[in-house]
Amino acid sequence: MNKPVPDPPYNTHPFSEAAIVEDLLKDSAAAQRALDHYLAPPAQESKPRKPGSLFIIAPGVDTESLLAHACETLASVSVMASSLAFELESTQRSSVLAIQQMVALAELTVNRALDNVDPA
């Protein structure tokens, strides 16, 4: 003989409602801590930035010289990427051409900064 199932069935959940609410509150607190960690990090003291010692720009180099060097470097990278793109096919070619375009935009930006430093 089968026992009839009551309508509504008995509460078969091993936890009480209070325990479920407590778990939800714990989860909510954990979620809030995670959000606070990523979206509202605590204010940190600003320390002066220490450059690495492997590659360093000589102190005292003027801004115009730095911008001119950056512009020449970007122009060289642009030419190298363009040359490489013509040796590739399909999506690889498109990717290298996209990189070349970003380098060209950076070069234009550095050129404008150089013009602002020395309007001539």
C-alpha atoms as a PDB file:
ATOM      1  CA  MET A   1       0.000   0.000   0.000  1.00  0.00           C
ATOM      2  CA  ASN A   2       1.308   3.364  -0.989  1.00  0.00           C
ATOM      3  CA  LYS A   3       0.946   6.207   1.429  1.00  0.00           C
ATOM      4  CA  PRO A   4      -0.861   9.162  -0.063  1.00  0.00           C
ATOM      5  CA  VAL A   5       1.241  12.306  -0.610  1.00  0.00           C
ATOM      6  CA  PRO A   6      -0.224  15.192   1.343  1.00  0.00           C
ATOM      7  CA  ASP A   7      -1.258  18.262  -0.585  1.00  0.00           C
ATOM      8  CA  PRO A   8       0.832  20.402  -0.095  1.00  0.00           C
ATOM      9  CA  PRO A   9       3.668  17.942   0.603  1.00  0.00           C
ATOM     10  CA  TYR A  10       5.485  18.002   3.906  1.00  0.00           C
ATOM     11  CA  ASN A  11       8.531  20.238   4.118  1.00  0.00           C
ATOM     12  CA  THR A  12      11.306  17.891   3.056  1.00  0.00           C
ATOM     13  CA  HIS A  13      14.011  20.582   3.070  1.00  0.00           C
ATOM     14  CA  PRO A  14      16.584  19.819   5.778  1.00  0.00           C
ATOM     15  CA  PHE A  15      16.941  23.501   6.693  1.00  0.00           C
ATOM     16  CA  SER A  16      14.478  25.674   8.481  1.00  0.00           C
ATOM     17  CA  GLU A  17      13.325  28.969   6.996  1.00  0.00           C
ATOM     18  CA  ALA A  18      15.502  30.799   9.519  1.00  0.00           C
ATOM     19  CA  ALA A  19      18.587  28.884   8.340  1.00  0.00           C
ATOM     20  CA  ILE A  20      17.801  29.662   4.699  1.00  0.00           C
ATOM     21  CA  VAL A  21      17.389  33.370   5.471  1.00  0.00           C
ATOM     22  CA  GLU A  22      20.660  33.315   7.417  1.00  0.00           C
ATOM     23  CA  ASP A  23      22.461  31.707   4.441  1.00  0.00           C
ATOM     24  CA  LEU A  24      21.042  34.317   2.074  1.00  0.00           C
ATOM     25  CA  LEU A  25      22.214  37.110   4.356  1.00  0.00           C
ATOM     26  CA  LYS A  26      25.703  35.575   4.510  1.00  0.00           C
ATOM     27  CA  ASP A  27      25.765  35.307   0.713  1.00  0.00           C
ATOM     28  CA  SER A  28      24.557  38.886   0.439  1.00  0.00           C
ATOM     29  CA  ALA A  29      27.286  40.107   2.794  1.00  0.00           C
ATOM     30  CA  ALA A  30      29.926  38.183   0.823  1.00  0.00           C
ATOM     31  CA  ALA A  31      28.638  39.614  -2.442  1.00  0.00           C
ATOM     32  CA  GLN A  32      28.715  43.131  -0.980  1.00  0.00           C
ATOM     33  CA  ARG A  33      32.321  42.654   0.178  1.00  0.00           C
ATOM     34  CA  ALA A  34      33.295  41.429  -3.297  1.00  0.00           C
ATOM     35  CA  LEU A  35      31.607  44.387  -4.974  1.00  0.00           C
ATOM     36  CA  ASP A  36      33.232  46.804  -2.533  1.00  0.00           C
ATOM     37  CA  HIS A  37      36.621  45.230  -3.198  1.00  0.00           C
ATOM     38  CA  TYR A  38      36.391  45.718  -6.968  1.00  0.00           C
ATOM     39  CA  LEU A  39      34.195  48.775  -7.326  1.00  0.00           C
ATOM     40  CA  ALA A  40      35.109  50.817  -4.257  1.00  0.00           C
ATOM     41  CA  PRO A  41      38.672  49.928  -3.285  1.00  0.00           C
ATOM     42  CA  PRO A  42      39.982  51.631  -0.152  1.00  0.00           C
ATOM     43  CA  ALA A  43      41.933  54.818  -0.717  1.00  0.00           C
ATOM     44  CA  GLN A  44      45.617  54.097  -0.931  1.00  0.00           C
ATOM     45  CA  GLU A  45      48.419  56.438  -0.141  1.00  0.00           C
ATOM     46  CA  SER A  46      49.974  57.635  -3.366  1.00  0.00           C
ATOM     47  CA  LYS A  47      53.613  56.682  -3.452  1.00  0.00           C
ATOM     48  CA  PRO A  48      55.961  58.221  -5.960  1.00  0.00           C
ATOM     49  CA  ARG A  49      56.376  55.932  -8.932  1.00  0.00           C
ATOM     50  CA  LYS A  50      59.761  54.241  -9.038  1.00  0.00           C
ATOM     51  CA  PRO A  51      60.881  53.331 -12.542  1.00  0.00           C
ATOM     52  CA  GLY A  52      62.440  49.938 -13.106  1.00  0.00           C
ATOM     53  CA  SER A  53      66.198  49.829 -13.313  1.00  0.00           C
ATOM     54  CA  LEU A  54      66.520  47.637 -16.409  1.00  0.00           C
ATOM     55  CA  PHE A  55      65.422  50.232 -18.950  1.00  0.00           C
ATOM     56  CA  ILE A  56      65.543  53.857 -17.920  1.00  0.00           C
ATOM     57  CA  ILE A  57      65.387  57.167 -19.731  1.00  0.00           C
ATOM     58  CA  ALA A  58      68.228  59.450 -18.769  1.00  0.00           C
ATOM     59  CA  PRO A  59      66.992  62.043 -16.285  1.00  0.00           C
ATOM     60  CA  GLY A  60      66.932  65.589 -17.565  1.00  0.00           C
ATOM     61  CA  VAL A  61      66.037  64.758 -21.185  1.00  0.00           C
ATOM     62  CA  ASP A  62      63.722  67.475 -22.436  1.00  0.00           C
ATOM     63  CA  THR A  63      60.128  66.759 -23.474  1.00  0.00           C
ATOM     64  CA  GLU A  64      60.698  67.680 -27.102  1.00  0.00           C
ATOM     65  CA  SER A  65      63.520  65.130 -27.448  1.00  0.00           C
ATOM     66  CA  LEU A  66      61.419  62.430 -25.779  1.00  0.00           C
ATOM     67  CA  LEU A  67      58.471  63.095 -28.092  1.00  0.00           C
ATOM     68  CA  ALA A  68      60.688  63.177 -31.178  1.00  0.00           C
ATOM     69  CA  HIS A  69      62.229  59.828 -30.218  1.00  0.00           C
ATOM     70  CA  ALA A  70      58.795  58.316 -29.517  1.00  0.00           C
ATOM     71  CA  CYS A  71      57.544  59.567 -32.885  1.00  0.00           C
ATOM     72  CA  GLU A  72      60.494  58.004 -34.727  1.00  0.00           C
ATOM     73  CA  THR A  73      60.034  54.719 -32.862  1.00  0.00           C
ATOM     74  CA  LEU A  74      56.319  54.604 -33.697  1.00  0.00           C
ATOM     75  CA  ALA A  75      57.058  55.367 -37.353  1.00  0.00           C
ATOM     76  CA  SER A  76      59.542  52.462 -37.443  1.00  0.00           C
ATOM     77  CA  VAL A  77      57.060  50.067 -35.809  1.00  0.00           C
ATOM     78  CA  SER A  78      54.385  51.170 -38.289  1.00  0.00           C
ATOM     79  CA  VAL A  79      56.656  50.367 -41.241  1.00  0.00           C
ATOM     80  CA  MET A  80      57.622  46.971 -39.763  1.00  0.00           C
ATOM     81  CA  ALA A  81      53.969  46.035 -39.118  1.00  0.00           C
ATOM     82  CA  SER A  82      52.977  47.117 -42.611  1.00  0.00           C
ATOM     83  CA  SER A  83      55.749  45.024 -44.178  1.00  0.00           C
ATOM     84  CA  LEU A  84      54.809  42.015 -42.070  1.00  0.00           C
ATOM     85  CA  ALA A  85      51.122  42.347 -42.983  1.00  0.00           C
ATOM     86  CA  PHE A  86      51.854  41.896 -46.664  1.00  0.00           C
ATOM     87  CA  GLU A  87      53.555  38.571 -45.933  1.00  0.00           C
ATOM     88  CA  LEU A  88      50.492  37.206 -44.117  1.00  0.00           C
ATOM     89  CA  GLU A  89      47.085  35.961 -45.196  1.00  0.00           C
ATOM     90  CA  SER A  90      43.515  36.413 -44.011  1.00  0.00           C
ATOM     91  CA  THR A  91      42.822  37.172 -40.346  1.00  0.00           C
ATOM     92  CA  GLN A  92      46.497  37.366 -39.387  1.00  0.00           C
ATOM     93  CA  ARG A  93      46.982  40.055 -42.009  1.00  0.00           C
ATOM     94  CA  SER A  94      43.946  41.926 -40.731  1.00  0.00           C
ATOM     95  CA  SER A  95      45.223  41.727 -37.155  1.00  0.00           C
ATOM     96  CA  VAL A  96      48.658  43.089 -38.056  1.00  0.00           C
ATOM     97  CA  LEU A  97      47.087  45.867 -40.130  1.00  0.00           C
ATOM     98  CA  ALA A  98      44.897  46.778 -37.140  1.00  0.00           C
ATOM     99  CA  ILE A  99      48.013  46.946 -34.966  1.00  0.00           C
ATOM    100  CA  GLN A 100      49.704  49.081 -37.598  1.00  0.00           C
ATOM    101  CA  GLN A 101      46.712  51.425 -37.603  1.00  0.00           C
ATOM    102  CA  MET A 102      46.836  51.799 -33.798  1.00  0.00           C
ATOM    103  CA  VAL A 103      50.544  52.568 -34.011  1.00  0.00           C
ATOM    104  CA  ALA A 104      49.831  55.164 -36.695  1.00  0.00           C
ATOM    105  CA  LEU A 105      47.218  56.788 -34.451  1.00  0.00           C
ATOM    106  CA  ALA A 106      49.710  56.860 -31.574  1.00  0.00           C
ATOM    107  CA  GLU A 107      52.242  58.427 -33.920  1.00  0.00           C
ATOM    108  CA  LEU A 108      49.753  61.142 -34.858  1.00  0.00           C
ATOM    109  CA  THR A 109      49.068  61.791 -31.187  1.00  0.00           C
ATOM    110  CA  VAL A 110      52.775  62.121 -30.384  1.00  0.00           C
ATOM    111  CA  ASN A 111      53.222  64.407 -33.393  1.00  0.00           C
ATOM    112  CA  ARG A 112      50.428  66.665 -32.110  1.00  0.00           C
ATOM    113  CA  ALA A 113      52.031  66.735 -28.655  1.00  0.00           C
ATOM    114  CA  LEU A 114      55.349  67.614 -30.292  1.00  0.00           C
ATOM    115  CA  ASP A 115      53.640  70.459 -32.187  1.00  0.00           C
ATOM    116  CA  ASN A 116      52.196  71.707 -28.882  1.00  0.00           C
ATOM    117  CA  VAL A 117      55.632  71.689 -27.267  1.00  0.00           C
ATOM    118  CA  ASP A 118      57.277  73.557 -30.152  1.00  0.00           C
ATOM    119  CA  PRO A 119      54.595  75.294 -32.277  1.00  0.00           C
ATOM    120  CA  ALA A 120      57.271  76.707 -34.649  1.00  0.00           C
END
